C-alpha atoms as a PDB file:
ATOM      1  CA  MET A   1      22.260   7.584  18.944  1.00  0.00           C
ATOM      2  CA  ASP A   2      24.194   9.588  16.388  1.00  0.00           C
ATOM      3  CA  GLU A   3      22.152  12.421  14.819  1.00  0.00           C
ATOM      4  CA  GLY A   4      23.771  11.889  11.417  1.00  0.00           C
ATOM      5  CA  VAL A   5      22.871   8.193  11.465  1.00  0.00           C
ATOM      6  CA  LYS A   6      19.307   9.039  12.505  1.00  0.00           C
ATOM      7  CA  ALA A   7      19.004  11.429   9.552  1.00  0.00           C
ATOM      8  CA  LEU A   8      20.296   8.760   7.158  1.00  0.00           C
ATOM      9  CA  LEU A   9      17.869   6.224   8.612  1.00  0.00           C
ATOM     10  CA  SER A  10      14.945   8.626   8.235  1.00  0.00           C
ATOM     11  CA  HIS A  11      15.819   9.231   4.585  1.00  0.00           C
ATOM     12  CA  SER A  12      16.139   5.495   3.922  1.00  0.00           C
ATOM     13  CA  ILE A  13      12.797   4.814   5.615  1.00  0.00           C
ATOM     14  CA  ARG A  14      10.971   7.377   3.466  1.00  0.00           C
ATOM     15  CA  ASP A  15      12.614   6.069   0.315  1.00  0.00           C
ATOM     16  CA  ALA A  16      11.583   2.500   1.154  1.00  0.00           C
ATOM     17  CA  ILE A  17       8.002   3.256   2.239  1.00  0.00           C
ATOM     18  CA  TYR A  18       7.197   5.329  -0.853  1.00  0.00           C
ATOM     19  CA  ASP A  19       8.991   3.141  -3.405  1.00  0.00           C
ATOM     20  CA  ILE A  20       5.722   1.957  -4.968  1.00  0.00           C
ATOM     21  CA  ARG A  21       6.681   1.987  -8.659  1.00  0.00           C
ATOM     22  CA  PRO A  22       8.231  -1.134 -10.209  1.00  0.00           C
ATOM     23  CA  ASN A  23      11.647  -0.404 -11.677  1.00  0.00           C
ATOM     24  CA  PRO A  24      12.988  -3.002 -14.141  1.00  0.00           C
ATOM     25  CA  ASP A  25      16.448  -1.426 -13.958  1.00  0.00           C
ATOM     26  CA  LYS A  26      16.803  -2.157 -10.253  1.00  0.00           C
ATOM     27  CA  ALA A  27      17.626  -5.455  -8.622  1.00  0.00           C
ATOM     28  CA  ARG A  28      14.624  -7.051  -6.936  1.00  0.00           C
ATOM     29  CA  VAL A  29      14.441  -6.022  -3.282  1.00  0.00           C
ATOM     30  CA  LYS A  30      12.142  -7.046  -0.471  1.00  0.00           C
ATOM     31  CA  PRO A  31       9.260  -4.598   0.056  1.00  0.00           C
ATOM     32  CA  TYR A  32       9.607  -2.587   3.237  1.00  0.00           C
ATOM     33  CA  MET A  33       6.315  -3.197   5.022  1.00  0.00           C
ATOM     34  CA  TYR A  34       4.560  -5.458   7.514  1.00  0.00           C
ATOM     35  CA  TRP A  35       7.583  -6.485   9.554  1.00  0.00           C
ATOM     36  CA  SER A  36       6.901  -9.026  12.280  1.00  0.00           C
ATOM     37  CA  PRO A  37       5.246  -7.332  15.269  1.00  0.00           C
ATOM     38  CA  GLN A  38       6.686  -9.995  17.591  1.00  0.00           C
ATOM     39  CA  LYS A  39      10.337  -9.226  16.791  1.00  0.00           C
ATOM     40  CA  SER A  40      11.761  -5.951  18.023  1.00  0.00           C
ATOM     41  CA  LYS A  41      14.571  -5.707  15.448  1.00  0.00           C
ATOM     42  CA  ALA A  42      12.544  -6.868  12.422  1.00  0.00           C
ATOM     43  CA  ALA A  43      12.091  -3.397  10.912  1.00  0.00           C
ATOM     44  CA  VAL A  44      15.711  -2.247  11.201  1.00  0.00           C
ATOM     45  CA  LYS A  45      17.038  -5.562   9.847  1.00  0.00           C
ATOM     46  CA  MET A  46      14.662  -5.359   6.891  1.00  0.00           C
ATOM     47  CA  LEU A  47      15.796  -1.794   6.209  1.00  0.00           C
ATOM     48  CA  LEU A  48      19.450  -2.851   6.273  1.00  0.00           C
ATOM     49  CA  LYS A  49      18.763  -5.440   3.568  1.00  0.00           C
ATOM     50  CA  ARG A  50      17.364  -2.703   1.317  1.00  0.00           C
ATOM     51  CA  ALA A  51      20.090  -0.098   1.913  1.00  0.00           C
ATOM     52  CA  PRO A  52      23.691  -1.191   1.168  1.00  0.00           C
ATOM     53  CA  ALA A  53      25.083   2.100   2.527  1.00  0.00           C
ATOM     54  CA  LEU A  54      23.413   1.441   5.861  1.00  0.00           C
ATOM     55  CA  GLN A  55      24.748  -2.117   5.888  1.00  0.00           C
ATOM     56  CA  VAL A  56      28.308  -0.822   5.410  1.00  0.00           C
ATOM     57  CA  LEU A  57      27.759   1.537   8.339  1.00  0.00           C
ATOM     58  CA  ALA A  58      26.259  -1.193  10.505  1.00  0.00           C
ATOM     59  CA  ASP A  59      29.221  -3.478   9.807  1.00  0.00           C
ATOM     60  CA  LYS A  60      31.473  -0.980  11.623  1.00  0.00           C
ATOM     61  CA  TYR A  61      29.607  -1.634  14.873  1.00  0.00           C
ATOM     62  CA  PRO A  62      30.103  -4.730  17.056  1.00  0.00           C
ATOM     63  CA  LYS A  63      27.932  -7.609  15.881  1.00  0.00           C
ATOM     64  CA  GLY A  64      24.273  -6.800  16.412  1.00  0.00           C
ATOM     65  CA  ALA A  65      24.966  -3.461  18.107  1.00  0.00           C
ATOM     66  CA  PHE A  66      23.627  -1.276  15.294  1.00  0.00           C
ATOM     67  CA  ALA A  67      20.296  -3.101  15.180  1.00  0.00           C
ATOM     68  CA  ARG A  68      19.925  -2.995  18.963  1.00  0.00           C
ATOM     69  CA  THR A  69      20.748   0.719  19.109  1.00  0.00           C
ATOM     70  CA  TYR A  70      18.406   1.892  16.376  1.00  0.00           C
ATOM     71  CA  ALA A  71      15.624  -0.738  16.433  1.00  0.00           C
ATOM     72  CA  ASP A  72      13.097   1.421  18.317  1.00  0.00           C
ATOM     73  CA  TYR A  73      13.915   4.543  16.306  1.00  0.00           C
ATOM     74  CA  VAL A  74      13.481   2.758  12.973  1.00  0.00           C
ATOM     75  CA  ARG A  75      10.254   1.005  13.984  1.00  0.00           C
ATOM     76  CA  GLN A  76       8.650   4.203  15.331  1.00  0.00           C
ATOM     77  CA  ASN A  77       9.609   6.315  12.308  1.00  0.00           C
ATOM     78  CA  SER A  78       8.588   3.575   9.896  1.00  0.00           C
ATOM     79  CA  ASN A  79       5.177   3.306  11.526  1.00  0.00           C
ATOM     80  CA  ASN A  80       4.764   7.083  11.299  1.00  0.00           C
ATOM     81  CA  GLU A  81       5.692   7.209   7.599  1.00  0.00           C
ATOM     82  CA  ARG A  82       3.440   4.265   6.780  1.00  0.00           C
ATOM     83  CA  SER A  83       0.579   5.982   8.611  1.00  0.00           C
ATOM     84  CA  MET A  84       1.115   9.090   6.491  1.00  0.00           C
ATOM     85  CA  GLN A  85       0.988   6.975   3.334  1.00  0.00           C
ATOM     86  CA  LYS A  86      -2.240   5.328   4.504  1.00  0.00           C
ATOM     87  CA  ARG A  87      -3.712   8.789   5.080  1.00  0.00           C
ATOM     88  CA  GLN A  88      -2.789   9.755   1.493  1.00  0.00           C
ATOM     89  CA  LEU A  89      -4.521   6.617   0.266  1.00  0.00           C
ATOM     90  CA  ARG A  90      -7.695   7.326   2.209  1.00  0.00           C
ATOM     91  CA  LEU A  91      -7.764  10.976   1.116  1.00  0.00           C
ATOM     92  CA  LEU A  92      -7.502   9.881  -2.503  1.00  0.00           C
ATOM     93  CA  PHE A  93      -9.952   6.972  -2.609  1.00  0.00           C
ATOM     94  CA  THR A  94     -12.367   7.385   0.308  1.00  0.00           C
ATOM     95  CA  GLU A  95     -12.843  11.136   0.782  1.00  0.00           C
ATOM     96  CA  PRO A  96     -16.107  12.136  -0.965  1.00  0.00           C
ATOM     97  CA  ASP A  97     -14.538  15.390  -2.229  1.00  0.00           C
ATOM     98  CA  SER A  98     -11.800  13.524  -4.122  1.00  0.00           C
ATOM     99  CA  ASN A  99     -12.150  13.018  -7.886  1.00  0.00           C
ATOM    100  CA  PHE A 100     -11.092   9.415  -7.290  1.00  0.00           C
ATOM    101  CA  SER A 101     -13.403   8.608  -4.385  1.00  0.00           C
ATOM    102  CA  MET A 102     -14.984   5.159  -4.301  1.00  0.00           C
ATOM    103  CA  ILE A 103     -17.738   6.249  -1.925  1.00  0.00           C
ATOM    104  CA  ARG A 104     -20.183   9.023  -1.121  1.00  0.00           C
ATOM    105  CA  ILE A 105     -21.749   9.986   2.179  1.00  0.00           C
ATOM    106  CA  SER A 106     -25.512   9.865   2.549  1.00  0.00           C
ATOM    107  CA  THR A 107     -26.494  12.995   4.483  1.00  0.00           C
ATOM    108  CA  GLY A 108     -30.054  11.784   4.854  1.00  0.00           C
ATOM    109  CA  GLN A 109     -29.014   9.455   7.683  1.00  0.00           C
ATOM    110  CA  ALA A 110     -27.869  12.186  10.114  1.00  0.00           C
ATOM    111  CA  PRO A 111     -26.662  12.012  12.823  1.00  0.00           C
ATOM    112  CA  ASP A 112     -25.351   8.643  11.587  1.00  0.00           C
ATOM    113  CA  PRO A 113     -24.515   9.193   7.908  1.00  0.00           C
ATOM    114  CA  GLU A 114     -24.130   6.121   5.749  1.00  0.00           C
ATOM    115  CA  ILE A 115     -21.385   5.418   3.228  1.00  0.00           C
ATOM    116  CA  LYS A 116     -22.613   4.446  -0.215  1.00  0.00           C
ATOM    117  CA  ILE A 117     -21.042   3.630  -3.566  1.00  0.00           C
ATOM    118  CA  SER A 118     -19.814   6.624  -5.569  1.00  0.00           C
ATOM    119  CA  THR A 119     -21.519   7.448  -8.839  1.00  0.00           C
ATOM    120  CA  ALA A 120     -18.387   6.383 -10.721  1.00  0.00           C
ATOM    121  CA  LEU A 121     -18.648   2.835  -9.345  1.00  0.00           C
ATOM    122  CA  SER A 122     -22.424   2.440  -9.300  1.00  0.00           C
ATOM    123  CA  VAL A 123     -22.270   0.613 -12.655  1.00  0.00           C
ATOM    124  CA  ASP A 124     -20.180  -2.120 -11.012  1.00  0.00           C
ATOM    125  CA  PHE A 125     -21.586  -2.344  -7.474  1.00  0.00           C
ATOM    126  CA  ASN A 126     -24.807  -1.920  -5.558  1.00  0.00           C
ATOM    127  CA  SER A 127     -23.266  -1.663  -2.108  1.00  0.00           C
ATOM    128  CA  VAL A 128     -20.045  -0.999  -0.238  1.00  0.00           C
ATOM    129  CA  GLN A 129     -20.103  -4.629   0.881  1.00  0.00           C
ATOM    130  CA  GLU A 130     -19.900  -5.734  -2.766  1.00  0.00           C
ATOM    131  CA  LEU A 131     -17.024  -3.310  -3.335  1.00  0.00           C
ATOM    132  CA  ARG A 132     -15.103  -4.668  -0.346  1.00  0.00           C
ATOM    133  CA  ALA A 133     -15.623  -8.225  -1.575  1.00  0.00           C
ATOM    134  CA  ALA A 134     -14.167  -7.304  -4.978  1.00  0.00           C
ATOM    135  CA  ILE A 135     -11.134  -5.597  -3.435  1.00  0.00           C
ATOM    136  CA  ALA A 136     -10.472  -8.706  -1.322  1.00  0.00           C
ATOM    137  CA  SER A 137     -10.496 -11.107  -4.267  1.00  0.00           C
ATOM    138  CA  GLY A 138      -8.459 -12.310  -7.199  1.00  0.00           C
ATOM    139  CA  SER A 139     -10.841 -10.647  -9.657  1.00  0.00           C
ATOM    140  CA  MET A 140     -10.889  -6.943  -8.768  1.00  0.00           C
ATOM    141  CA  TYR A 141      -9.629  -6.110 -12.264  1.00  0.00           C
ATOM    142  CA  ALA A 142     -12.736  -7.746 -13.763  1.00  0.00           C
ATOM    143  CA  HIS A 143     -14.784  -4.736 -12.607  1.00  0.00           C
ATOM    144  CA  PRO A 144     -14.032  -2.112 -15.296  1.00  0.00           C
ATOM    145  CA  ALA A 145     -15.123   1.010 -13.417  1.00  0.00           C
ATOM    146  CA  LEU A 146     -13.193   0.019 -10.281  1.00  0.00           C
ATOM    147  CA  PHE A 147     -10.088  -0.931 -12.245  1.00  0.00           C
ATOM    148  CA  ASP A 148     -10.197   2.372 -14.126  1.00  0.00           C
ATOM    149  CA  LEU A 149     -10.652   4.438 -10.965  1.00  0.00           C
ATOM    150  CA  PHE A 150      -7.895   2.620  -9.088  1.00  0.00           C
ATOM    151  CA  CYS A 151      -5.425   2.976 -11.959  1.00  0.00           C
ATOM    152  CA  ALA A 152      -6.344   6.616 -12.520  1.00  0.00           C
ATOM    153  CA  GLY A 153      -5.629   7.347  -8.872  1.00  0.00           C
ATOM    154  CA  LEU A 154      -2.245   5.646  -9.122  1.00  0.00           C
ATOM    155  CA  GLU A 155      -1.487   7.639 -12.290  1.00  0.00           C
ATOM    156  CA  SER A 156      -2.463  10.952 -10.678  1.00  0.00           C
ATOM    157  CA  GLY A 157       0.912  11.606  -9.055  1.00  0.00           C
ATOM    158  CA  ARG A 158      -0.822  12.213  -5.725  1.00  0.00           C
ATOM    159  CA  PHE A 159       1.301   9.674  -3.876  1.00  0.00           C
ATOM    160  CA  ARG A 160       4.590  10.878  -2.490  1.00  0.00           C
ATOM    161  CA  SER A 161       7.615  10.140  -4.705  1.00  0.00           C
ATOM    162  CA  THR A 162       5.448   9.440  -7.775  1.00  0.00           C
ATOM    163  CA  LYS A 163       5.023  11.536 -10.902  1.00  0.00           C
ATOM    164  CA  LYS A 164       1.807  11.973 -12.824  1.00  0.00           C
ATOM    165  CA  VAL A 165       1.409   9.453 -15.644  1.00  0.00           C
ATOM    166  CA  THR A 166      -0.026  11.201 -18.712  1.00  0.00           C
ATOM    167  CA  ASP A 167      -0.905   8.067 -20.702  1.00  0.00           C
ATOM    168  CA  MET A 168      -2.722   4.983 -19.462  1.00  0.00           C
ATOM    169  CA  ALA A 169      -0.229   2.384 -18.277  1.00  0.00           C
ATOM    170  CA  PRO A 170      -0.568  -1.304 -17.373  1.00  0.00           C
ATOM    171  CA  ILE A 171      -1.007  -1.695 -13.651  1.00  0.00           C
ATOM    172  CA  GLU A 172       2.201  -3.741 -13.563  1.00  0.00           C
ATOM    173  CA  GLU A 173       4.030  -0.477 -14.388  1.00  0.00           C
ATOM    174  CA  LEU A 174       2.169   1.611 -11.815  1.00  0.00           C
ATOM    175  CA  ILE A 175       2.618  -0.290  -8.567  1.00  0.00           C
ATOM    176  CA  THR A 176       4.449  -3.312  -7.203  1.00  0.00           C
ATOM    177  CA  VAL A 177       2.518  -6.410  -6.193  1.00  0.00           C
ATOM    178  CA  ALA A 178       3.301  -5.831  -2.527  1.00  0.00           C
ATOM    179  CA  HIS A 179       2.258  -2.173  -2.508  1.00  0.00           C
ATOM    180  CA  GLU A 180      -0.949  -2.952  -4.372  1.00  0.00           C
ATOM    181  CA  ALA A 181      -1.749  -5.615  -1.795  1.00  0.00           C
ATOM    182  CA  HIS A 182      -0.978  -3.106   0.964  1.00  0.00           C
ATOM    183  CA  PHE A 183      -3.242  -0.472  -0.634  1.00  0.00           C
ATOM    184  CA  ARG A 184      -6.087  -2.897  -1.266  1.00  0.00           C
ATOM    185  CA  LEU A 185      -5.889  -4.196   2.298  1.00  0.00           C
ATOM    186  CA  GLU A 186      -6.012  -0.660   3.665  1.00  0.00           C
ATOM    187  CA  LEU A 187      -9.018   0.197   1.478  1.00  0.00           C
ATOM    188  CA  TRP A 188     -10.752  -3.005   2.556  1.00  0.00           C
ATOM    189  CA  TYR A 189     -10.332  -1.997   6.186  1.00  0.00           C
ATOM    190  CA  SER A 190     -11.224   1.655   5.536  1.00  0.00           C
ATOM    191  CA  LEU A 191     -14.514   0.798   3.843  1.00  0.00           C
ATOM    192  CA  ARG A 192     -15.813  -0.947   6.949  1.00  0.00           C
ATOM    193  CA  GLY A 193     -17.228   2.335   8.269  1.00  0.00           C
ATOM    194  CA  LEU A 194     -16.764   6.029   8.920  1.00  0.00           C
ATOM    195  CA  ASN A 195     -14.880   5.502  12.181  1.00  0.00           C
ATOM    196  CA  TYR A 196     -12.134   3.369  10.664  1.00  0.00           C
ATOM    197  CA  SER A 197      -9.432   5.936  11.557  1.00  0.00           C
ATOM    198  CA  ARG A 198      -9.919   4.824  15.171  1.00  0.00           C
ATOM    199  CA  HIS A 199      -9.051   1.224  14.374  1.00  0.00           C
ATOM    200  CA  ASP A 200      -7.560  -1.072  16.979  1.00  0.00           C
ATOM    201  CA  SER A 201      -3.777  -0.694  17.324  1.00  0.00           C
ATOM    202  CA  SER A 202      -3.335  -3.648  19.646  1.00  0.00           C
ATOM    203  CA  LYS A 203      -0.715  -6.298  19.015  1.00  0.00           C
ATOM    204  CA  GLN A 204      -3.502  -8.724  18.101  1.00  0.00           C
ATOM    205  CA  ASN A 205      -4.796  -6.360  15.416  1.00  0.00           C
ATOM    206  CA  ILE A 206      -1.286  -5.735  14.067  1.00  0.00           C
ATOM    207  CA  ALA A 207      -0.679  -9.479  13.849  1.00  0.00           C
ATOM    208  CA  GLU A 208      -3.978  -9.888  11.997  1.00  0.00           C
ATOM    209  CA  ARG A 209      -2.962  -7.258   9.428  1.00  0.00           C
ATOM    210  CA  HIS A 210       0.426  -8.965   9.023  1.00  0.00           C
ATOM    211  CA  ASP A 211      -1.334 -12.227   8.094  1.00  0.00           C
ATOM    212  CA  LYS A 212      -3.971 -10.498   5.947  1.00  0.00           C
ATOM    213  CA  PHE A 213      -1.246  -8.824   3.914  1.00  0.00           C
ATOM    214  CA  GLY A 214       0.054 -12.184   2.690  1.00  0.00           C
ATOM    215  CA  GLU A 215      -3.492 -13.140   1.718  1.00  0.00           C
ATOM    216  CA  PHE A 216      -3.922  -9.946  -0.312  1.00  0.00           C
ATOM    217  CA  CYS A 217      -0.576 -10.504  -2.055  1.00  0.00           C
ATOM    218  CA  ARG A 218      -1.983 -13.780  -3.371  1.00  0.00           C
ATOM    219  CA  TYR A 219      -5.120 -11.975  -4.587  1.00  0.00           C
ATOM    220  CA  VAL A 220      -3.009  -9.489  -6.542  1.00  0.00           C
ATOM    221  CA  ILE A 221      -0.847 -12.205  -8.103  1.00  0.00           C
ATOM    222  CA  ALA A 222      -3.973 -14.087  -9.233  1.00  0.00           C
ATOM    223  CA  ASP A 223      -5.579 -10.904 -10.575  1.00  0.00           C
ATOM    224  CA  ARG A 224      -2.510  -9.989 -12.593  1.00  0.00           C
ATOM    225  CA  HIS A 225      -2.178 -13.492 -13.998  1.00  0.00           C
ATOM    226  CA  ASP A 226      -5.842 -13.947 -14.906  1.00  0.00           C
ATOM    227  CA  ASN A 227      -7.260 -10.480 -15.563  1.00  0.00           C
ATOM    228  CA  ALA A 228      -4.658  -7.737 -15.989  1.00  0.00           C
ATOM    229  CA  THR A 229      -4.197  -7.913 -19.771  1.00  0.00           C
ATOM    230  CA  ALA A 230      -7.912  -8.029 -20.548  1.00  0.00           C
ATOM    231  CA  ALA A 231      -8.637  -5.240 -18.064  1.00  0.00           C
ATOM    232  CA  PHE A 232      -5.977  -2.961 -19.546  1.00  0.00           C
ATOM    233  CA  ASN A 233      -7.123  -3.665 -23.120  1.00  0.00           C
ATOM    234  CA  LYS A 234     -10.705  -2.846 -22.187  1.00  0.00           C
ATOM    235  CA  ARG A 235      -9.617   0.323 -20.428  1.00  0.00           C
ATOM    236  CA  THR A 236      -7.586   1.590 -23.379  1.00  0.00           C
ATOM    237  CA  ALA A 237     -10.271   0.590 -25.883  1.00  0.00           C
ATOM    238  CA  GLY A 238     -12.760   3.086 -24.524  1.00  0.00           C
ATOM    239  CA  GLY A 239     -14.010   1.633 -21.276  1.00  0.00           C
ATOM    240  CA  PRO A 240     -15.054   3.883 -18.396  1.00  0.00           C
ATOM    241  CA  PRO A 241     -13.498   7.356 -18.766  1.00  0.00           C
ATOM    242  CA  VAL A 242     -10.341   8.093 -16.865  1.00  0.00           C
ATOM    243  CA  VAL A 243     -10.885  10.653 -14.113  1.00  0.00           C
ATOM    244  CA  ASP A 244      -9.254  13.922 -15.113  1.00  0.00           C
ATOM    245  CA  ASP A 245      -7.278  15.505 -12.319  1.00  0.00           C
ATOM    246  CA  ALA A 246      -5.316  18.804 -12.715  1.00  0.00           C
ATOM    247  CA  ALA A 247      22.199  -9.493   6.588  1.00  0.00           C
ATOM    248  CA  SER A 248      19.816 -12.506   6.754  1.00  0.00           C
ATOM    249  CA  SER A 249      17.808 -13.171   9.882  1.00  0.00           C
ATOM    250  CA  SER A 250      14.441 -14.636  10.804  1.00  0.00           C
ATOM    251  CA  ASP A 251      13.778 -11.266  12.504  1.00  0.00           C
ATOM    252  CA  GLU A 252      13.201  -9.661   9.128  1.00  0.00           C
ATOM    253  CA  ASP A 253      10.382 -12.005   8.080  1.00  0.00           C
ATOM    254  CA  ASP A 254       7.526  -9.819   6.836  1.00  0.00           C
ATOM    255  CA  GLY A 255       5.308 -12.369   5.128  1.00  0.00           C
ATOM    256  CA  VAL A 256       6.326 -11.189   1.642  1.00  0.00           C
ATOM    257  CA  GLU A 257       7.384 -14.105  -0.488  1.00  0.00           C
ATOM    258  CA  THR A 258       9.975 -13.557  -3.225  1.00  0.00           C
ATOM    259  CA  ASP A 259       7.343 -13.691  -5.986  1.00  0.00           C
ATOM    260  CA  PHE A 260       5.774 -10.528  -4.584  1.00  0.00           C
ATOM    261  CA  TRP A 261       8.939  -8.373  -4.616  1.00  0.00           C
END
């Protein structure tokens, strides 16, 4: 493998993974996430569709040779970058010390502490189970405190490649449908318990997440259609306070339909 090509691939992977903000000036491109775990070249072929410069480079190789050569490198680095993004998400929304945390840890249950709803969300939910049910639904936006906290976290600039948003913005301007589905799915898994970081990495589990992602995309689409405008109007009209914080191939199928790009 050429070191220069590897460097270009690494840059393209980071750019694709962290491209969470919708950009009306760009052509619609397939989100780079949840490539098929059964197809070894799915990740690299998906990346080529997003990066015209890489496609030009790949075209200089014999047919299929570029994908075969760099498939493992792209998949491994993509998994690593996506894991780093998931860690950012958990640090922001599930660490009790974060200003945007959805949970708190009950120290009275030592040595088995219990996760409970944060004070900020206690007006919306009585339990973590209720919170998880809302996240995995087409009506998450209908919970004002949760919607405010989620948007405030997205506006904070804490995610790599994003800038802090100083004024409240509609969620459609903060995050793409696919990335929101990805984030909500990760939070849904994370809120199962304190030992989530040790989750199963088997092929069966990866396949389950691949299918779940499509399900969560549909939740986000329904939420935006039915609830986004009312939720944003309520938020800006003095709802819960914002947290203040200083080539085509079947191989590239990732379960993301065109409506979610």
